[in-house]
């Protein structure tokens, strides 16, 4: 997708520090940032206060403006600006949530490492049950699942400790969760 005329102008104005460029940028993308924050936290079964939501949105904008719009300077224009900013915002929110104290929702205590319940593992009663299910996985997958779900490590920390590419961790976790679901006696096949 190509960059729209409006987004190209906003981008160029920000990068050249034109008057009111930042205000126009915020006006254009504030709704998107709020949506990304809401979606990211809801997908982790977290409830935010209005102040917490505003803080996360402000953090996203702070990252964008940091280093003289470094995030915008790195935009390669391979996607729409909104898509690029959504990815950036999601990463910022996940990073901030990973430092948030756990706030379990419902009856399960299985935390996802980002301070909330992992809906994929919420049906498992506790860490002991997850550890039992890890036996169904190859050792490399089990190690990654344990580091993420039981030890609460971020993708970057797992990458550093396991010596694997950070971008391969999500797919490994997805495959492992599916194997664990199939191994769990009450799960749908």
C-alpha atoms as a PDB file:
ATOM      1  CA  UNK A   1       0.000   0.000   0.000  1.00  0.00           C
ATOM      2  CA  UNK A   2       1.332   3.398  -0.870  1.00  0.00           C
ATOM      3  CA  UNK A   3       1.519   6.360   1.414  1.00  0.00           C
ATOM      4  CA  UNK A   4      -1.545   8.596   1.169  1.00  0.00           C
ATOM      5  CA  UNK A   5      -1.067  12.228   0.228  1.00  0.00           C
ATOM      6  CA  UNK A   6      -2.242  13.397   3.651  1.00  0.00           C
ATOM      7  CA  UNK A   7       0.077  11.027   5.500  1.00  0.00           C
ATOM      8  CA  UNK A   8       3.010  11.933   3.254  1.00  0.00           C
ATOM      9  CA  UNK A   9       2.469  15.622   4.019  1.00  0.00           C
ATOM     10  CA  UNK A  10       2.142  15.028   7.760  1.00  0.00           C
ATOM     11  CA  UNK A  11       5.264  12.852   7.738  1.00  0.00           C
ATOM     12  CA  UNK A  12       7.320  15.389   5.773  1.00  0.00           C
ATOM     13  CA  UNK A  13       6.116  18.280   7.944  1.00  0.00           C
ATOM     14  CA  UNK A  14       7.086  16.438  11.153  1.00  0.00           C
ATOM     15  CA  UNK A  15      10.507  15.503   9.809  1.00  0.00           C
ATOM     16  CA  UNK A  16      11.157  19.092   8.758  1.00  0.00           C
ATOM     17  CA  UNK A  17       9.857  20.458  12.102  1.00  0.00           C
ATOM     18  CA  UNK A  18       7.225  22.579  10.387  1.00  0.00           C
ATOM     19  CA  UNK A  19       4.956  24.696  12.615  1.00  0.00           C
ATOM     20  CA  UNK A  20       2.011  22.730  14.090  1.00  0.00           C
ATOM     21  CA  UNK A  21       3.234  19.545  12.407  1.00  0.00           C
ATOM     22  CA  UNK A  22       3.231  17.570  15.645  1.00  0.00           C
ATOM     23  CA  UNK A  23      -0.248  18.788  16.574  1.00  0.00           C
ATOM     24  CA  UNK A  24      -1.522  17.702  13.146  1.00  0.00           C
ATOM     25  CA  UNK A  25       0.179  14.336  13.555  1.00  0.00           C
ATOM     26  CA  UNK A  26      -1.438  13.778  16.954  1.00  0.00           C
ATOM     27  CA  UNK A  27      -4.842  14.871  15.631  1.00  0.00           C
ATOM     28  CA  UNK A  28      -4.523  12.397  12.773  1.00  0.00           C
ATOM     29  CA  UNK A  29      -3.299   9.369  14.758  1.00  0.00           C
ATOM     30  CA  UNK A  30      -4.639   9.791  18.298  1.00  0.00           C
ATOM     31  CA  UNK A  31      -7.676   7.597  17.623  1.00  0.00           C
ATOM     32  CA  UNK A  32      -5.466   4.887  16.150  1.00  0.00           C
ATOM     33  CA  UNK A  33      -3.178   4.913  19.188  1.00  0.00           C
ATOM     34  CA  UNK A  34      -6.119   4.658  21.583  1.00  0.00           C
ATOM     35  CA  UNK A  35      -7.482   1.757  19.531  1.00  0.00           C
ATOM     36  CA  UNK A  36      -4.142  -0.090  19.588  1.00  0.00           C
ATOM     37  CA  UNK A  37      -3.810   0.397  23.357  1.00  0.00           C
ATOM     38  CA  UNK A  38      -7.380  -0.823  23.940  1.00  0.00           C
ATOM     39  CA  UNK A  39      -7.040  -3.806  21.624  1.00  0.00           C
ATOM     40  CA  UNK A  40      -3.653  -4.863  22.985  1.00  0.00           C
ATOM     41  CA  UNK A  41      -4.785  -4.713  26.604  1.00  0.00           C
ATOM     42  CA  UNK A  42      -8.132  -6.406  25.910  1.00  0.00           C
ATOM     43  CA  UNK A  43      -6.361  -9.249  24.118  1.00  0.00           C
ATOM     44  CA  UNK A  44      -4.428  -9.808  27.358  1.00  0.00           C
ATOM     45  CA  UNK A  45      -7.581  -9.640  29.500  1.00  0.00           C
ATOM     46  CA  UNK A  46      -6.408  -6.468  31.205  1.00  0.00           C
ATOM     47  CA  UNK A  47      -8.596  -3.621  32.314  1.00  0.00           C
ATOM     48  CA  UNK A  48      -7.075  -0.159  32.331  1.00  0.00           C
ATOM     49  CA  UNK A  49      -8.166   2.955  34.115  1.00  0.00           C
ATOM     50  CA  UNK A  50      -8.553   6.066  31.991  1.00  0.00           C
ATOM     51  CA  UNK A  51      -5.288   7.372  33.416  1.00  0.00           C
ATOM     52  CA  UNK A  52      -3.408   4.160  32.587  1.00  0.00           C
ATOM     53  CA  UNK A  53      -4.752   4.244  29.017  1.00  0.00           C
ATOM     54  CA  UNK A  54      -3.721   7.884  28.641  1.00  0.00           C
ATOM     55  CA  UNK A  55      -0.261   7.080  30.027  1.00  0.00           C
ATOM     56  CA  UNK A  56       0.214   4.274  27.481  1.00  0.00           C
ATOM     57  CA  UNK A  57      -0.916   6.502  24.606  1.00  0.00           C
ATOM     58  CA  UNK A  58       1.436   9.236  25.823  1.00  0.00           C
ATOM     59  CA  UNK A  59       4.271   6.696  26.005  1.00  0.00           C
ATOM     60  CA  UNK A  60       3.637   5.695  22.382  1.00  0.00           C
ATOM     61  CA  UNK A  61       3.780   9.310  21.271  1.00  0.00           C
ATOM     62  CA  UNK A  62       6.925   9.885  23.354  1.00  0.00           C
ATOM     63  CA  UNK A  63       8.617   6.996  21.548  1.00  0.00           C
ATOM     64  CA  UNK A  64       7.588   8.442  18.181  1.00  0.00           C
ATOM     65  CA  UNK A  65       8.930  11.912  18.953  1.00  0.00           C
ATOM     66  CA  UNK A  66      12.129  10.658  20.631  1.00  0.00           C
ATOM     67  CA  UNK A  67      15.438  11.149  18.855  1.00  0.00           C
ATOM     68  CA  UNK A  68      13.988  13.869  16.620  1.00  0.00           C
ATOM     69  CA  UNK A  69      11.221  11.592  15.266  1.00  0.00           C
ATOM     70  CA  UNK A  70      13.570   8.623  14.946  1.00  0.00           C
ATOM     71  CA  UNK A  71      10.644   6.231  14.491  1.00  0.00           C
ATOM     72  CA  UNK A  72       9.327   8.323  11.610  1.00  0.00           C
ATOM     73  CA  UNK A  73      12.784   8.626  10.051  1.00  0.00           C
ATOM     74  CA  UNK A  74      13.066   4.825  10.030  1.00  0.00           C
ATOM     75  CA  UNK A  75       9.728   4.421   8.229  1.00  0.00           C
ATOM     76  CA  UNK A  76      10.624   2.687   4.953  1.00  0.00           C
ATOM     77  CA  UNK A  77       7.242   3.326   3.300  1.00  0.00           C
ATOM     78  CA  UNK A  78       6.639  -0.382   2.656  1.00  0.00           C
ATOM     79  CA  UNK A  79       3.188  -0.070   4.219  1.00  0.00           C
ATOM     80  CA  UNK A  80       0.725   2.616   5.116  1.00  0.00           C
ATOM     81  CA  UNK A  81       1.853   4.981   7.844  1.00  0.00           C
ATOM     82  CA  UNK A  82      -1.076   3.825  10.001  1.00  0.00           C
ATOM     83  CA  UNK A  83       0.024   0.192   9.752  1.00  0.00           C
ATOM     84  CA  UNK A  84       3.596   1.082  10.633  1.00  0.00           C
ATOM     85  CA  UNK A  85       2.495   3.189  13.597  1.00  0.00           C
ATOM     86  CA  UNK A  86       0.162   0.413  14.798  1.00  0.00           C
ATOM     87  CA  UNK A  87       3.088  -2.007  14.948  1.00  0.00           C
ATOM     88  CA  UNK A  88       5.216   0.530  16.810  1.00  0.00           C
ATOM     89  CA  UNK A  89       2.384   1.307  19.233  1.00  0.00           C
ATOM     90  CA  UNK A  90       1.695  -2.368  19.939  1.00  0.00           C
ATOM     91  CA  UNK A  91       5.372  -3.003  20.701  1.00  0.00           C
ATOM     92  CA  UNK A  92       5.523  -0.029  23.064  1.00  0.00           C
ATOM     93  CA  UNK A  93       2.358  -1.119  24.877  1.00  0.00           C
ATOM     94  CA  UNK A  94       3.543  -4.717  25.246  1.00  0.00           C
ATOM     95  CA  UNK A  95       6.906  -3.545  26.556  1.00  0.00           C
ATOM     96  CA  UNK A  96       5.215  -1.262  29.105  1.00  0.00           C
ATOM     97  CA  UNK A  97       2.758  -3.971  30.153  1.00  0.00           C
ATOM     98  CA  UNK A  98       5.587  -6.429  30.704  1.00  0.00           C
ATOM     99  CA  UNK A  99       6.799  -4.175  33.534  1.00  0.00           C
ATOM    100  CA  UNK A 100       3.348  -3.888  35.067  1.00  0.00           C
ATOM    101  CA  UNK A 101       2.556  -5.907  38.199  1.00  0.00           C
ATOM    102  CA  UNK A 102       0.342  -8.932  37.452  1.00  0.00           C
ATOM    103  CA  UNK A 103      -3.403  -8.388  37.694  1.00  0.00           C
ATOM    104  CA  UNK A 104      -5.065 -11.768  37.141  1.00  0.00           C
ATOM    105  CA  UNK A 105      -8.622 -11.786  35.847  1.00  0.00           C
ATOM    106  CA  UNK A 106     -11.030 -14.613  36.654  1.00  0.00           C
ATOM    107  CA  UNK A 107     -10.043 -17.742  38.530  1.00  0.00           C
ATOM    108  CA  UNK A 108      -6.799 -18.638  36.756  1.00  0.00           C
ATOM    109  CA  UNK A 109      -3.378 -17.511  37.858  1.00  0.00           C
ATOM    110  CA  UNK A 110      -1.524 -18.511  34.658  1.00  0.00           C
ATOM    111  CA  UNK A 111       0.197 -15.280  33.693  1.00  0.00           C
ATOM    112  CA  UNK A 112       1.356 -14.519  30.206  1.00  0.00           C
ATOM    113  CA  UNK A 113       4.499 -12.598  31.124  1.00  0.00           C
ATOM    114  CA  UNK A 114       2.878  -9.283  30.276  1.00  0.00           C
ATOM    115  CA  UNK A 115       0.948  -8.873  33.503  1.00  0.00           C
ATOM    116  CA  UNK A 116      -2.287 -10.558  32.410  1.00  0.00           C
ATOM    117  CA  UNK A 117      -3.908 -13.873  31.729  1.00  0.00           C
ATOM    118  CA  UNK A 118      -2.995 -15.648  28.524  1.00  0.00           C
ATOM    119  CA  UNK A 119      -6.405 -16.604  27.111  1.00  0.00           C
ATOM    120  CA  UNK A 120      -4.850 -19.588  25.323  1.00  0.00           C
ATOM    121  CA  UNK A 121      -3.730 -21.060  28.649  1.00  0.00           C
ATOM    122  CA  UNK A 122      -6.457 -19.740  30.944  1.00  0.00           C
ATOM    123  CA  UNK A 123      -8.184 -23.143  31.111  1.00  0.00           C
ATOM    124  CA  UNK A 124      -5.116 -24.723  32.720  1.00  0.00           C
ATOM    125  CA  UNK A 125      -5.426 -24.641  36.482  1.00  0.00           C
ATOM    126  CA  UNK A 126      -1.896 -23.702  37.498  1.00  0.00           C
ATOM    127  CA  UNK A 127       1.776 -23.711  36.698  1.00  0.00           C
ATOM    128  CA  UNK A 128       2.105 -27.354  37.717  1.00  0.00           C
ATOM    129  CA  UNK A 129      -0.435 -28.365  35.103  1.00  0.00           C
ATOM    130  CA  UNK A 130       1.390 -26.343  32.447  1.00  0.00           C
ATOM    131  CA  UNK A 131       4.647 -28.002  33.465  1.00  0.00           C
ATOM    132  CA  UNK A 132       2.988 -31.412  33.005  1.00  0.00           C
ATOM    133  CA  UNK A 133       1.833 -30.367  29.539  1.00  0.00           C
ATOM    134  CA  UNK A 134       5.350 -29.240  28.646  1.00  0.00           C
ATOM    135  CA  UNK A 135       6.268 -32.931  28.566  1.00  0.00           C
ATOM    136  CA  UNK A 136       4.246 -33.240  25.358  1.00  0.00           C
ATOM    137  CA  UNK A 137       6.536 -30.750  23.635  1.00  0.00           C
ATOM    138  CA  UNK A 138       9.994 -31.139  22.130  1.00  0.00           C
ATOM    139  CA  UNK A 139      12.581 -29.802  24.592  1.00  0.00           C
ATOM    140  CA  UNK A 140      13.355 -26.647  22.577  1.00  0.00           C
ATOM    141  CA  UNK A 141       9.662 -25.660  22.421  1.00  0.00           C
ATOM    142  CA  UNK A 142       9.110 -26.576  26.070  1.00  0.00           C
ATOM    143  CA  UNK A 143      12.030 -24.354  27.076  1.00  0.00           C
ATOM    144  CA  UNK A 144      10.560 -21.357  25.199  1.00  0.00           C
ATOM    145  CA  UNK A 145       7.046 -21.937  26.596  1.00  0.00           C
ATOM    146  CA  UNK A 146       8.448 -22.200  30.116  1.00  0.00           C
ATOM    147  CA  UNK A 147      10.510 -19.022  29.754  1.00  0.00           C
ATOM    148  CA  UNK A 148       7.540 -17.081  28.387  1.00  0.00           C
ATOM    149  CA  UNK A 149       4.571 -18.406  30.376  1.00  0.00           C
ATOM    150  CA  UNK A 150       6.125 -19.517  33.642  1.00  0.00           C
ATOM    151  CA  UNK A 151       9.223 -17.340  33.963  1.00  0.00           C
ATOM    152  CA  UNK A 152       7.544 -14.253  32.456  1.00  0.00           C
ATOM    153  CA  UNK A 153      10.401 -13.373  30.100  1.00  0.00           C
ATOM    154  CA  UNK A 154       9.912 -11.047  27.133  1.00  0.00           C
ATOM    155  CA  UNK A 155      10.614 -12.146  23.557  1.00  0.00           C
ATOM    156  CA  UNK A 156      13.897 -10.224  23.671  1.00  0.00           C
ATOM    157  CA  UNK A 157      14.987 -11.913  26.901  1.00  0.00           C
ATOM    158  CA  UNK A 158      14.085 -15.325  25.472  1.00  0.00           C
ATOM    159  CA  UNK A 159      15.996 -14.508  22.304  1.00  0.00           C
ATOM    160  CA  UNK A 160      19.069 -13.572  24.304  1.00  0.00           C
ATOM    161  CA  UNK A 161      18.936 -16.608  26.581  1.00  0.00           C
ATOM    162  CA  UNK A 162      17.948 -19.235  24.009  1.00  0.00           C
ATOM    163  CA  UNK A 163      20.067 -17.845  21.177  1.00  0.00           C
ATOM    164  CA  UNK A 164      17.201 -17.728  18.676  1.00  0.00           C
ATOM    165  CA  UNK A 165      15.805 -14.959  16.513  1.00  0.00           C
ATOM    166  CA  UNK A 166      13.266 -12.825  18.386  1.00  0.00           C
ATOM    167  CA  UNK A 167      10.825 -12.966  15.445  1.00  0.00           C
ATOM    168  CA  UNK A 168      10.676 -16.774  15.584  1.00  0.00           C
ATOM    169  CA  UNK A 169       9.444 -16.912  19.190  1.00  0.00           C
ATOM    170  CA  UNK A 170       5.797 -16.031  18.443  1.00  0.00           C
ATOM    171  CA  UNK A 171       5.359 -18.841  15.892  1.00  0.00           C
ATOM    172  CA  UNK A 172       7.057 -21.334  18.233  1.00  0.00           C
ATOM    173  CA  UNK A 173       4.679 -20.347  21.052  1.00  0.00           C
ATOM    174  CA  UNK A 174       1.649 -20.639  18.754  1.00  0.00           C
ATOM    175  CA  UNK A 175       2.614 -24.144  17.632  1.00  0.00           C
ATOM    176  CA  UNK A 176       3.393 -25.181  21.198  1.00  0.00           C
ATOM    177  CA  UNK A 177       0.061 -23.875  22.499  1.00  0.00           C
ATOM    178  CA  UNK A 178      -1.757 -25.876  19.852  1.00  0.00           C
ATOM    179  CA  UNK A 179       0.118 -29.043  20.829  1.00  0.00           C
ATOM    180  CA  UNK A 180      -0.665 -28.367  24.494  1.00  0.00           C
ATOM    181  CA  UNK A 181      -4.360 -27.870  23.700  1.00  0.00           C
ATOM    182  CA  UNK A 182      -4.441 -31.213  21.886  1.00  0.00           C
ATOM    183  CA  UNK A 183      -2.665 -32.891  24.798  1.00  0.00           C
ATOM    184  CA  UNK A 184      -5.090 -31.504  27.352  1.00  0.00           C
ATOM    185  CA  UNK A 185      -7.851 -34.109  27.852  1.00  0.00           C
ATOM    186  CA  UNK A 186     -10.754 -31.615  27.883  1.00  0.00           C
ATOM    187  CA  UNK A 187      -9.647 -29.567  24.892  1.00  0.00           C
ATOM    188  CA  UNK A 188     -11.292 -29.742  21.472  1.00  0.00           C
ATOM    189  CA  UNK A 189      -9.305 -31.753  18.937  1.00  0.00           C
END
